[in-house]
């Protein structure tokens, strides 16, 4: 049942993003990008529930496997020479 609902949600939100999202309705939409952001988030959650990770294709989405910055060894310090 959960998988079926995820498929229905992914199809509906995907169709919304493809068909209704690009149409200009400035007079009817006071916050123009909020509904597209919600539809994209819903689409990504539905597809991740189905086992497809589409966040790797979007550069602005946070990735779970981020590497941390490399820490410097205790003996090495940056030297700044001020002349």
C-alpha atoms as a PDB file:
ATOM      1  CA  UNK A   1       0.000   0.000   0.000  1.00  0.00           C
ATOM      2  CA  UNK A   2       2.836   2.379   0.870  1.00  0.00           C
ATOM      3  CA  UNK A   3       4.534   1.676  -2.441  1.00  0.00           C
ATOM      4  CA  UNK A   4       1.328   2.311  -4.375  1.00  0.00           C
ATOM      5  CA  UNK A   5       0.787   5.648  -2.626  1.00  0.00           C
ATOM      6  CA  UNK A   6       4.404   6.589  -3.329  1.00  0.00           C
ATOM      7  CA  UNK A   7       3.938   5.819  -7.029  1.00  0.00           C
ATOM      8  CA  UNK A   8       0.732   7.863  -7.180  1.00  0.00           C
ATOM      9  CA  UNK A   9       2.398  10.771  -5.368  1.00  0.00           C
ATOM     10  CA  UNK A  10       5.453  10.645  -7.632  1.00  0.00           C
ATOM     11  CA  UNK A  11       3.336  10.575 -10.790  1.00  0.00           C
ATOM     12  CA  UNK A  12       1.031  13.404  -9.702  1.00  0.00           C
ATOM     13  CA  UNK A  13       3.810  15.675  -8.441  1.00  0.00           C
ATOM     14  CA  UNK A  14       5.933  14.925 -11.512  1.00  0.00           C
ATOM     15  CA  UNK A  15       3.059  15.801 -13.825  1.00  0.00           C
ATOM     16  CA  UNK A  16       2.466  18.991 -11.851  1.00  0.00           C
ATOM     17  CA  UNK A  17       6.111  19.978 -12.239  1.00  0.00           C
ATOM     18  CA  UNK A  18       6.105  19.213 -15.974  1.00  0.00           C
ATOM     19  CA  UNK A  19       2.740  20.682 -16.976  1.00  0.00           C
ATOM     20  CA  UNK A  20       1.474  23.274 -14.501  1.00  0.00           C
ATOM     21  CA  UNK A  21       4.784  24.446 -13.013  1.00  0.00           C
ATOM     22  CA  UNK A  22       6.134  26.313 -16.077  1.00  0.00           C
ATOM     23  CA  UNK A  23       2.821  28.042 -16.894  1.00  0.00           C
ATOM     24  CA  UNK A  24       2.836  31.738 -15.967  1.00  0.00           C
ATOM     25  CA  UNK A  25       0.077  32.679 -13.528  1.00  0.00           C
ATOM     26  CA  UNK A  26       1.477  35.812 -11.850  1.00  0.00           C
ATOM     27  CA  UNK A  27      -1.913  37.282 -10.940  1.00  0.00           C
ATOM     28  CA  UNK A  28      -3.140  34.098  -9.240  1.00  0.00           C
ATOM     29  CA  UNK A  29       0.096  33.104  -7.517  1.00  0.00           C
ATOM     30  CA  UNK A  30       1.242  35.498  -4.748  1.00  0.00           C
ATOM     31  CA  UNK A  31       4.373  33.453  -3.920  1.00  0.00           C
ATOM     32  CA  UNK A  32       5.370  32.127  -7.342  1.00  0.00           C
ATOM     33  CA  UNK A  33       7.953  29.465  -6.470  1.00  0.00           C
ATOM     34  CA  UNK A  34       6.581  28.041  -3.220  1.00  0.00           C
ATOM     35  CA  UNK A  35       4.204  25.561  -4.847  1.00  0.00           C
ATOM     36  CA  UNK A  36       6.920  24.281  -7.206  1.00  0.00           C
ATOM     37  CA  UNK A  37       9.311  23.830  -4.273  1.00  0.00           C
ATOM     38  CA  UNK A  38       6.708  21.838  -2.354  1.00  0.00           C
ATOM     39  CA  UNK A  39       5.945  19.698  -5.422  1.00  0.00           C
ATOM     40  CA  UNK A  40       9.678  19.061  -5.983  1.00  0.00           C
ATOM     41  CA  UNK A  41      10.201  18.098  -2.338  1.00  0.00           C
ATOM     42  CA  UNK A  42       7.197  15.776  -2.434  1.00  0.00           C
ATOM     43  CA  UNK A  43       8.440  14.243  -5.688  1.00  0.00           C
ATOM     44  CA  UNK A  44      11.916  13.637  -4.247  1.00  0.00           C
ATOM     45  CA  UNK A  45      10.514  12.045  -1.079  1.00  0.00           C
ATOM     46  CA  UNK A  46       8.216   9.772  -3.089  1.00  0.00           C
ATOM     47  CA  UNK A  47      11.010   8.670  -5.412  1.00  0.00           C
ATOM     48  CA  UNK A  48      13.398   8.061  -2.504  1.00  0.00           C
ATOM     49  CA  UNK A  49      10.706   5.930  -0.861  1.00  0.00           C
ATOM     50  CA  UNK A  50      10.588   3.919  -4.087  1.00  0.00           C
ATOM     51  CA  UNK A  51      14.355   3.467  -4.052  1.00  0.00           C
ATOM     52  CA  UNK A  52      15.430   6.084  -6.612  1.00  0.00           C
ATOM     53  CA  UNK A  53      17.809   8.742  -5.293  1.00  0.00           C
ATOM     54  CA  UNK A  54      17.380  11.779  -7.550  1.00  0.00           C
ATOM     55  CA  UNK A  55      19.083  14.210  -5.163  1.00  0.00           C
ATOM     56  CA  UNK A  56      22.434  13.455  -6.798  1.00  0.00           C
ATOM     57  CA  UNK A  57      21.228  15.140  -9.997  1.00  0.00           C
ATOM     58  CA  UNK A  58      20.241  18.368  -8.250  1.00  0.00           C
ATOM     59  CA  UNK A  59      23.239  20.530  -7.301  1.00  0.00           C
ATOM     60  CA  UNK A  60      21.347  22.561  -4.682  1.00  0.00           C
ATOM     61  CA  UNK A  61      20.141  19.591  -2.642  1.00  0.00           C
ATOM     62  CA  UNK A  62      22.040  18.440   0.435  1.00  0.00           C
ATOM     63  CA  UNK A  63      23.812  15.150  -0.005  1.00  0.00           C
ATOM     64  CA  UNK A  64      23.974  12.615   2.818  1.00  0.00           C
ATOM     65  CA  UNK A  65      27.452  11.319   1.994  1.00  0.00           C
ATOM     66  CA  UNK A  66      29.260  14.656   2.236  1.00  0.00           C
ATOM     67  CA  UNK A  67      32.886  14.407   3.219  1.00  0.00           C
ATOM     68  CA  UNK A  68      34.058  16.559   6.077  1.00  0.00           C
ATOM     69  CA  UNK A  69      36.917  18.992   5.658  1.00  0.00           C
ATOM     70  CA  UNK A  70      40.300  17.476   6.311  1.00  0.00           C
ATOM     71  CA  UNK A  71      41.749  18.573   9.643  1.00  0.00           C
ATOM     72  CA  UNK A  72      45.399  19.534   9.843  1.00  0.00           C
ATOM     73  CA  UNK A  73      47.898  17.615  11.927  1.00  0.00           C
ATOM     74  CA  UNK A  74      48.667  19.098  15.341  1.00  0.00           C
ATOM     75  CA  UNK A  75      52.308  19.932  14.518  1.00  0.00           C
ATOM     76  CA  UNK A  76      51.637  21.821  11.299  1.00  0.00           C
ATOM     77  CA  UNK A  77      50.548  25.461  11.519  1.00  0.00           C
ATOM     78  CA  UNK A  78      49.979  28.094   8.892  1.00  0.00           C
ATOM     79  CA  UNK A  79      52.704  30.703   9.037  1.00  0.00           C
ATOM     80  CA  UNK A  80      51.854  34.265   8.131  1.00  0.00           C
ATOM     81  CA  UNK A  81      54.791  36.621   7.617  1.00  0.00           C
ATOM     82  CA  UNK A  82      53.770  40.224   7.980  1.00  0.00           C
ATOM     83  CA  UNK A  83      56.291  42.684   6.544  1.00  0.00           C
END
